[in-house]
Protein backbone atom coordinates (compact mmCIF):
# COMPACT_ATOMS: atom_id res chain seq x y z
CA MET A 1 -131.72 77.46 122.32
CA GLY A 2 -128.18 78.67 122.87
CA ASP A 3 -126.64 81.76 121.63
CA ILE A 4 -125.14 81.01 118.54
CA VAL A 5 -128.30 79.11 117.43
CA ASP A 6 -130.77 82.25 118.46
CA LYS A 7 -128.22 84.58 116.71
CA ALA A 8 -129.05 82.42 113.48
CA HIS A 9 -132.59 82.76 114.05
CA ALA A 10 -132.40 86.38 114.51
CA ALA A 11 -130.23 86.91 111.45
CA ILE A 12 -132.73 84.19 109.52
CA GLY A 13 -135.34 86.74 110.32
CA ARG A 14 -133.42 89.71 108.83
CA VAL A 15 -133.18 88.09 105.96
CA GLU A 16 -136.57 86.74 105.32
CA ALA A 17 -137.65 90.64 106.12
CA LEU A 18 -136.04 91.74 102.87
CA GLY A 19 -138.58 89.45 100.92
CA GLU A 20 -137.36 89.67 96.98
CA LEU A 21 -134.35 91.59 97.83
CA ALA A 22 -132.64 88.54 99.63
CA ARG A 23 -133.09 86.50 96.14
CA SER A 24 -130.72 89.10 94.59
CA ILE A 25 -128.40 88.76 97.62
CA PHE A 26 -128.34 84.74 97.89
CA THR A 27 -128.22 82.06 95.14
CA ARG A 28 -129.43 79.80 97.73
CA PHE A 29 -130.46 80.38 101.39
CA ASP A 30 -131.90 77.48 103.37
CA PRO A 31 -132.91 78.30 107.01
CA GLU A 32 -132.99 74.65 108.33
CA ARG A 33 -129.65 74.54 106.86
CA ILE A 34 -128.39 77.12 108.30
CA LEU A 35 -129.83 76.28 111.95
CA ALA A 36 -128.17 72.97 111.69
CA ASN A 37 -124.75 74.35 111.13
CA ALA A 38 -125.75 76.73 114.19
CA ARG A 39 -126.35 73.71 116.11
CA GLU A 40 -122.76 72.05 115.00
CA ALA A 41 -121.13 75.20 115.70
CA GLU A 42 -122.51 75.76 119.22
CA SER A 43 -121.74 72.15 120.07
CA LEU A 44 -118.12 72.27 118.90
CA VAL A 45 -117.74 75.75 120.92
CA GLU A 46 -118.86 74.01 123.97
CA HIS A 47 -116.53 71.33 123.64
CA ALA A 48 -113.26 72.89 122.65
CA GLU A 49 -110.74 73.13 124.81
CA ALA A 50 -109.66 76.52 123.97
CA PRO A 51 -111.64 79.25 122.80
CA LEU A 52 -112.50 79.15 118.87
CA PRO A 53 -111.39 81.79 116.85
CA LEU A 54 -114.46 82.54 114.67
CA ALA A 55 -117.09 81.65 117.54
CA GLY A 56 -120.46 82.23 116.27
CA LYS A 57 -119.48 84.17 113.28
CA LEU A 58 -122.07 84.03 110.66
CA VAL A 59 -120.18 83.66 107.28
CA SER A 60 -122.02 83.81 104.12
CA VAL A 61 -120.28 81.77 101.37
CA LYS A 62 -119.64 83.12 97.45
CA ASP A 63 -121.33 80.63 95.05
CA LEU A 64 -117.74 79.40 94.15
CA PHE A 65 -116.84 77.66 97.52
CA ASP A 66 -117.84 74.07 97.25
CA GLU A 67 -119.98 73.19 100.50
CA ALA A 68 -121.08 69.47 101.24
CA GLY A 69 -124.70 69.25 99.66
CA GLU A 70 -124.62 72.06 98.10
CA ARG A 71 -124.29 72.98 94.06
CA THR A 72 -121.32 75.41 93.28
CA THR A 73 -122.94 77.51 90.33
CA ALA A 74 -120.89 80.26 89.79
CA GLY A 75 -123.48 82.55 89.50
CA SER A 76 -124.37 80.98 86.16
CA ARG A 77 -126.91 79.00 84.77
CA LEU A 78 -124.64 76.92 82.78
CA LEU A 79 -123.55 75.15 86.14
CA ARG A 80 -127.10 75.30 87.69
CA ASP A 81 -127.41 71.34 87.26
CA ARG A 82 -124.17 70.07 88.18
CA PRO A 83 -124.07 67.68 91.08
CA ALA A 84 -123.66 68.76 94.50
CA ALA A 85 -120.47 69.02 96.42
CA THR A 86 -119.37 65.69 98.28
CA ARG A 87 -117.24 67.58 100.66
CA ASP A 88 -116.49 71.47 101.67
CA SER A 89 -113.78 73.49 100.07
CA GLU A 90 -110.97 73.62 102.55
CA ALA A 91 -111.58 77.45 103.22
CA VAL A 92 -115.00 76.39 104.47
CA ALA A 93 -113.95 73.50 106.33
CA ARG A 94 -111.40 75.78 107.86
CA MET A 95 -114.26 78.35 108.84
CA LYS A 96 -116.30 75.73 110.60
CA ALA A 97 -113.43 73.92 112.49
CA ALA A 98 -113.15 77.69 113.92
CA GLY A 99 -116.52 78.01 115.21
CA ALA A 100 -118.34 79.70 112.41
CA VAL A 101 -121.74 78.88 110.91
CA MET A 102 -122.01 79.02 107.05
CA PHE A 103 -125.04 81.49 106.20
CA GLY A 104 -126.08 81.42 102.84
CA ARG A 105 -124.80 81.12 99.29
CA THR A 106 -124.15 84.23 97.37
CA THR A 107 -124.79 86.04 94.55
CA MET A 108 -122.13 87.20 92.53
CA SER A 109 -120.96 88.12 89.00
CA GLU A 110 -121.09 85.20 86.60
CA PHE A 111 -117.82 83.48 86.97
CA ALA A 112 -116.55 85.94 89.15
CA TYR A 113 -115.72 88.07 85.86
CA SER A 114 -116.60 91.47 86.66
CA GLY A 115 -115.88 93.99 89.44
CA VAL A 116 -119.29 95.30 88.72
CA GLY A 117 -121.20 92.97 90.31
CA LEU A 118 -124.24 92.75 87.76
CA ASN A 119 -126.21 89.72 87.36
CA PRO A 120 -128.60 89.03 84.88
CA HIS A 121 -129.79 85.45 86.51
CA HIS A 122 -130.28 86.31 89.96
CA GLY A 123 -130.30 90.35 89.77
CA THR A 124 -128.47 92.86 91.17
CA PRO A 125 -128.52 93.95 94.89
CA GLY A 126 -127.61 97.65 95.29
CA SER A 127 -125.14 98.87 97.80
CA ALA A 128 -125.99 98.31 101.23
CA LEU A 129 -125.20 101.88 101.70
CA ASP A 130 -127.05 103.21 98.46
CA ALA A 131 -129.51 100.87 96.98
CA ALA A 132 -129.32 102.71 93.82
CA ARG A 133 -125.64 102.19 93.22
CA ILE A 134 -123.73 98.95 92.10
CA PRO A 135 -122.73 96.30 95.00
CA GLY A 136 -119.44 95.77 93.58
CA GLY A 137 -118.05 92.76 91.66
CA SER A 138 -117.78 90.08 91.73
CA THR A 139 -118.37 89.19 95.59
CA SER A 140 -121.46 91.39 95.06
CA GLY A 141 -123.87 89.17 97.28
CA GLY A 142 -121.04 88.89 99.94
CA GLY A 143 -120.41 92.48 100.53
CA VAL A 144 -124.02 93.46 100.49
CA SER A 145 -124.63 90.54 103.00
CA VAL A 146 -122.22 91.96 105.45
CA GLY A 147 -122.87 95.40 104.65
CA LEU A 148 -126.59 95.04 105.78
CA SER A 149 -125.67 93.42 108.76
CA LEU A 150 -126.77 90.18 107.59
CA CYS A 151 -123.93 88.22 108.62
CA ASP A 152 -120.53 88.82 110.23
CA ILE A 153 -117.97 87.98 107.44
CA ALA A 154 -118.21 86.79 103.80
CA LEU A 155 -116.26 84.22 101.77
CA GLY A 156 -114.99 86.09 98.85
CA THR A 157 -112.82 85.44 96.15
CA ASP A 158 -110.25 88.39 94.32
CA THR A 159 -109.03 87.74 90.83
CA GLY A 160 -108.81 91.70 90.20
CA GLY A 161 -110.35 93.43 92.94
CA SER A 162 -113.25 91.33 93.65
CA ILE A 163 -112.92 90.99 97.64
CA ARG A 164 -111.59 95.06 97.73
CA ILE A 165 -114.51 96.33 95.33
CA PRO A 166 -117.65 95.44 97.07
CA SER A 167 -115.91 95.89 100.40
CA ALA A 168 -114.91 99.81 99.58
CA ILE A 169 -118.62 99.92 97.91
CA ASN A 170 -120.29 98.65 100.91
CA GLY A 171 -118.26 100.22 103.62
CA LEU A 172 -116.08 97.02 104.62
CA TYR A 173 -112.83 95.85 105.43
CA GLY A 174 -112.16 93.07 103.03
CA PHE A 175 -108.38 91.42 102.52
CA LYS A 176 -106.78 90.03 99.44
CA PRO A 177 -104.09 87.53 100.84
CA SER A 178 -100.99 86.58 99.07
CA GLN A 179 -102.16 83.88 96.43
CA HIS A 180 -100.35 81.20 97.87
CA LEU A 181 -101.58 81.52 101.65
CA VAL A 182 -105.23 80.28 101.24
CA PRO A 183 -105.76 77.07 99.68
CA ARG A 184 -108.28 77.38 96.45
CA SER A 185 -109.19 73.61 96.77
CA GLY A 186 -112.60 73.28 96.20
CA VAL A 187 -112.90 76.85 94.94
CA HIS A 188 -114.04 76.84 91.15
CA PRO A 189 -111.31 79.08 89.00
CA LEU A 190 -111.52 81.87 86.86
CA SER A 191 -107.93 82.52 86.56
CA GLN A 192 -105.32 79.93 88.50
CA THR A 193 -102.62 82.42 87.75
CA LEU A 194 -104.37 85.47 89.35
CA ASP A 195 -107.42 84.04 91.83
CA SER A 196 -107.09 84.03 95.52
CA ALA A 197 -109.49 83.60 98.39
CA GLY A 198 -110.13 85.78 101.48
CA PRO A 199 -112.75 87.63 103.49
CA LEU A 200 -114.70 90.49 103.58
CA ALA A 201 -115.92 91.77 107.14
CA ALA A 202 -117.66 94.40 108.96
CA THR A 203 -114.92 95.15 111.22
CA PHE A 204 -110.89 95.15 111.44
CA GLU A 205 -110.55 92.43 113.90
CA ASP A 206 -112.93 89.92 112.18
CA ALA A 207 -111.25 90.22 108.56
CA VAL A 208 -108.05 89.46 110.26
CA ALA A 209 -109.45 86.61 112.42
CA ALA A 210 -111.10 85.20 108.96
CA PHE A 211 -107.73 85.44 107.38
CA ALA A 212 -105.90 83.71 109.80
CA VAL A 213 -108.41 81.07 109.99
CA MET A 214 -108.08 80.81 105.84
CA SER A 215 -104.54 80.59 106.16
CA ALA A 216 -103.95 78.48 108.82
CA THR A 217 -101.30 81.06 109.77
CA THR A 218 -100.84 83.30 113.01
CA ASP A 219 -98.65 87.12 112.97
CA PRO A 220 -95.10 85.86 113.47
CA THR A 221 -94.52 89.10 115.25
CA SER A 222 -97.51 88.80 117.60
CA GLY A 223 -97.36 90.85 120.55
CA SER A 224 -95.11 93.56 119.05
CA THR A 225 -96.06 96.83 117.81
CA VAL A 226 -95.08 98.65 114.22
CA ASP A 227 -92.13 101.22 114.98
CA ALA A 228 -93.43 104.43 114.69
CA PRO A 229 -93.49 106.55 112.56
CA MET A 230 -93.95 104.22 109.90
CA ARG A 231 -92.40 104.75 106.40
CA LEU A 232 -95.69 104.54 104.12
CA ALA A 233 -95.09 104.88 99.95
CA ILE A 234 -97.50 107.09 97.83
CA PRO A 235 -97.59 105.88 94.36
CA VAL A 236 -96.72 107.95 91.44
CA GLY A 237 -97.64 106.90 87.92
CA ALA A 238 -100.30 104.45 89.00
CA PHE A 239 -103.17 104.15 91.37
CA VAL A 240 -103.62 107.91 91.67
CA ASN A 241 -103.89 108.95 87.82
CA ALA A 242 -107.31 110.00 86.67
CA LEU A 243 -109.09 110.46 89.81
CA ASP A 244 -112.69 111.87 90.09
CA ALA A 245 -112.65 115.09 92.41
CA SER A 246 -113.91 113.30 95.27
CA THR A 247 -111.38 110.49 95.29
CA ALA A 248 -108.55 112.81 94.90
CA ASP A 249 -109.94 114.88 97.68
CA THR A 250 -110.38 112.17 100.16
CA PHE A 251 -107.27 110.51 99.45
CA GLU A 252 -105.54 113.66 99.97
CA ALA A 253 -107.00 113.97 103.27
CA THR A 254 -106.02 110.91 104.23
CA VAL A 255 -102.41 111.14 103.47
CA ALA A 256 -102.94 114.54 105.65
CA ALA A 257 -104.02 112.64 108.47
CA LEU A 258 -101.23 110.28 108.06
CA ARG A 259 -98.35 112.88 107.86
CA THR A 260 -100.19 114.56 111.04
CA ALA A 261 -100.22 111.33 112.95
CA GLY A 262 -96.16 111.51 112.08
CA HIS A 263 -95.66 108.69 109.53
CA GLU A 264 -92.88 109.21 106.98
CA ILE A 265 -94.65 109.65 103.76
CA VAL A 266 -92.63 109.03 100.44
CA GLU A 267 -93.30 109.03 96.82
CA LEU A 268 -92.58 106.02 94.73
CA ASP A 269 -92.53 105.37 91.23
CA VAL A 270 -94.99 102.71 90.25
CA GLY A 271 -95.93 103.66 86.65
CA PHE A 272 -94.80 100.00 85.55
CA LEU A 273 -97.83 98.51 87.03
CA ASN A 274 -99.85 101.09 85.18
CA ASP A 275 -97.70 100.17 81.97
CA ASN A 276 -98.33 96.57 82.41
CA LEU A 277 -102.31 96.52 83.53
CA ASP A 278 -103.42 95.01 79.96
CA LEU A 279 -101.47 92.09 81.46
CA ASN A 280 -104.02 90.90 83.49
CA ARG A 281 -106.77 91.09 80.64
CA ILE A 282 -104.87 88.95 78.73
CA ILE A 283 -104.27 86.23 81.29
CA VAL A 284 -107.78 85.99 83.12
CA SER A 285 -109.19 85.46 79.40
CA ALA A 286 -106.65 83.00 78.09
CA GLU A 287 -107.56 81.15 81.20
CA ALA A 288 -111.13 81.46 81.20
CA HIS A 289 -111.59 80.61 77.56
CA ALA A 290 -109.42 77.08 78.15
CA LEU A 291 -112.03 76.89 80.94
CA TYR A 292 -115.04 77.26 79.14
CA LYS A 293 -114.07 76.74 75.51
CA ASP A 294 -116.53 74.09 75.21
CA ASP A 295 -119.36 75.84 76.53
CA LEU A 296 -119.19 79.16 74.69
CA ASP A 297 -122.45 77.87 72.20
CA ALA A 298 -124.30 77.31 75.46
CA LEU A 299 -123.31 80.73 76.89
CA GLU A 300 -124.27 82.41 73.94
CA THR A 301 -128.03 81.43 75.13
CA LEU A 302 -127.67 80.66 78.99
CA GLY A 303 -124.88 83.35 79.99
CA ASP A 304 -124.53 86.80 80.46
CA PRO A 305 -123.30 88.50 77.21
CA ARG A 306 -120.92 90.71 78.93
CA VAL A 307 -118.85 87.97 80.54
CA LEU A 308 -119.12 85.83 77.36
CA LYS A 309 -117.45 88.90 75.58
CA ARG A 310 -114.66 89.10 78.03
CA ILE A 311 -113.85 85.52 77.71
CA ARG A 312 -114.02 85.59 73.64
CA PHE A 313 -111.48 88.59 74.03
CA ALA A 314 -109.03 85.31 74.23
CA GLU A 315 -109.71 84.43 70.47
CA THR A 316 -108.01 87.67 69.64
CA LEU A 317 -104.91 86.50 70.99
CA SER A 318 -102.21 84.55 69.83
CA GLN A 319 -100.44 82.26 71.82
CA ALA A 320 -97.07 84.27 71.32
CA ASP A 321 -99.31 87.26 72.94
CA ILE A 322 -100.08 85.03 75.89
CA ASP A 323 -96.50 83.71 76.57
CA ASP A 324 -95.11 87.10 76.41
CA ALA A 325 -98.21 87.98 78.80
CA TYR A 326 -96.86 85.67 81.57
CA ALA A 327 -93.20 86.46 81.08
CA ALA A 328 -93.84 89.98 81.40
CA ARG A 329 -95.79 89.58 84.63
CA LYS A 330 -93.07 87.19 86.23
CA GLN A 331 -90.66 90.57 85.50
CA VAL A 332 -93.42 93.11 87.29
CA VAL A 333 -93.52 90.70 90.37
CA ALA A 334 -90.10 90.82 91.01
CA ARG A 335 -89.96 94.78 90.24
CA PHE A 336 -92.67 95.29 92.84
CA SER A 337 -91.33 93.08 95.35
CA GLU A 338 -87.88 94.64 95.11
CA ILE A 339 -89.43 98.38 95.25
CA MET A 340 -91.23 97.46 98.19
CA ALA A 341 -87.96 96.79 100.24
CA GLY A 342 -87.80 99.38 103.15
CA HIS A 343 -91.55 100.58 103.11
CA ASN A 344 -94.03 99.54 105.54
CA ALA A 345 -96.84 99.31 103.26
CA LEU A 346 -98.13 101.28 100.11
CA VAL A 347 -101.32 103.58 100.57
CA ALA A 348 -103.59 104.30 97.71
CA PRO A 349 -107.24 105.00 96.71
CA THR A 350 -109.18 101.36 96.70
CA LEU A 351 -111.19 102.57 93.87
CA GLN A 352 -110.57 105.24 90.89
CA VAL A 353 -113.76 106.89 91.17
CA ALA A 354 -117.09 107.08 93.15
CA PRO A 355 -119.36 103.74 92.55
CA PRO A 356 -122.15 104.46 89.82
CA THR A 357 -125.59 103.57 89.78
CA ILE A 358 -126.52 100.11 88.46
CA VAL A 359 -128.56 102.00 85.76
CA GLU A 360 -125.24 103.21 85.07
CA ALA A 361 -123.44 100.49 85.01
CA GLU A 362 -125.88 98.45 82.79
CA THR A 363 -125.59 101.57 79.87
CA ASP A 364 -121.76 101.54 79.66
CA PHE A 365 -120.60 98.22 81.13
CA ASP A 366 -117.31 98.47 79.97
CA GLN A 367 -115.88 101.39 80.96
CA VAL A 368 -117.60 101.18 84.50
CA ASN A 369 -115.96 97.62 84.73
CA ALA A 370 -112.44 99.23 83.64
CA ALA A 371 -112.62 101.98 86.31
CA MET A 372 -113.63 99.69 89.08
CA LEU A 373 -111.04 96.97 88.61
CA ARG A 374 -108.08 99.33 87.86
CA ASN A 375 -106.75 100.08 91.51
CA PRO A 376 -107.30 96.40 92.56
CA SER A 377 -106.35 94.62 89.94
CA LEU A 378 -102.77 96.17 89.94
CA VAL A 379 -102.49 94.85 93.40
CA ASN A 380 -102.89 91.14 91.52
CA LEU A 381 -100.98 92.04 88.98
CA ALA A 382 -97.82 92.55 91.26
CA ASP A 383 -99.09 89.21 92.92
CA GLY A 384 -99.38 91.46 96.29
CA CYS A 385 -101.39 91.78 99.09
CA ALA A 386 -103.72 94.55 100.18
CA LEU A 387 -106.19 95.42 103.02
CA VAL A 388 -108.95 97.81 102.19
CA MET A 389 -110.90 99.90 104.97
CA PRO A 390 -113.40 102.67 105.04
CA VAL A 391 -112.04 106.34 105.66
CA ALA A 392 -114.03 109.26 105.98
CA ALA A 393 -115.07 111.13 102.57
CA ALA A 394 -113.56 114.65 102.39
CA ARG A 395 -116.60 115.72 100.61
CA GLU A 396 -119.47 114.56 98.49
CA ALA A 397 -118.67 112.56 95.62
CA ASP A 398 -119.10 113.74 91.90
CA ALA A 399 -121.78 110.96 91.37
CA GLY A 400 -123.86 113.02 94.63
CA THR A 401 -123.29 109.90 97.15
CA SER A 402 -121.79 110.61 100.29
CA LEU A 403 -120.55 106.85 100.46
CA PRO A 404 -117.38 106.64 102.69
CA GLY A 405 -114.05 106.32 101.01
CA SER A 406 -111.83 103.53 101.11
CA LEU A 407 -107.96 102.99 101.68
CA MET A 408 -106.03 100.38 100.43
CA ILE A 409 -102.74 99.28 102.21
CA VAL A 410 -100.67 97.06 99.84
CA GLY A 411 -98.03 94.95 100.73
CA SER A 412 -95.52 92.64 98.09
CA ARG A 413 -95.87 88.66 97.69
CA GLY A 414 -95.97 87.23 101.27
CA ALA A 415 -96.02 90.68 103.37
CA ASP A 416 -99.63 89.82 104.69
CA TRP A 417 -99.22 89.87 108.50
CA SER A 418 -96.80 92.92 108.09
CA VAL A 419 -99.57 94.72 105.92
CA LEU A 420 -102.11 93.91 108.81
CA LYS A 421 -99.90 95.08 111.35
CA ALA A 422 -99.27 98.40 109.44
CA ALA A 423 -103.16 98.64 108.85
CA ARG A 424 -103.88 98.37 112.72
CA ALA A 425 -101.31 101.09 113.57
CA LEU A 426 -103.16 103.33 110.80
CA LEU A 427 -106.87 102.93 112.50
CA PRO A 428 -106.28 105.53 114.73
CA SER A 429 -105.46 108.12 112.15
CA VAL A 430 -108.10 107.21 109.17
CA GLY A 431 -110.36 104.45 110.60
């Protein structure tokens, strides 16, 4: 066997050693299929004329991405009997062509409609760093699969934080690209307006390489460095309001480290984002309801009641409410792009509060879900891009956990490579 097949064998062994826990991480895990993928990747790498950017990387696949021969069920019993996909989604095809090995299909919040990661059908895996705590959603299995070192990268989607929340909770790097850069053909939708696809990874460099492959783009200024010091925006009026004490302390310590490193820190009033946060709720619910309107009765018995409640919120809206939400969001996107001019990036806490336990999330889902989604979803509202990275916690969280903090580095639509270049420059100070 070659190195890639050996690596896949070893990773399969790690999954099998998890026993029942693996069932809450993967909706489907087929060792023979994975080994076949590994052999194909090995042959591709051996015969490539140049090094492949993801050669031998093991990549778990969120159960929203089509893979030829696999059912895409979106973590739901509603879709469990749908026909298998006949072709790979574009994102999967690009990863394979870059030498990656697809490594099982991961669990998720049903229909990708939650930032918590609970799933009553497959079970809910705990965070890779604290098994009692939520994994983060909706790319829950993906975050845990990388956090437990079962694989290198996870394919995820992000409608309101579904890449960045599990990345933060599992101590990973996660990148939510500008929506238009990664094709979503063959990806089961939740909201065509807000959905984006991107990677979660154990290392910054793997996250960047995966994004480059998924988007078929390269850094237009490759080889150059960021001018130092950078001009970094610190938000006022959004992202930093009502933080818990541990999150606030960690962000304050991180900003102090950036100042010490010589970067220019300027306050930026982004309160209009917080004022318009409910637009996401309206748009996503309206689009999800349109998608599942013929299945609502079936979901009463087959679905997650927490998700169904969020879909049915659309029934309280008038068409005027929905039209106004789209118009208002368009203005928000334009305003955010305008005020970000002249800044290398905006930096903010990824999460509002430390991740709660699974029991706490099940007991008070609405409040926990809103808290997990709040900061990340502001970026989707503005049609922006953002990388999250782990940072040292300033102190133990109020919830009694010493999980690392997470910093979100944000740019406006299309500023993806500028954000990634800024993030790389910040790593020595806070990473």
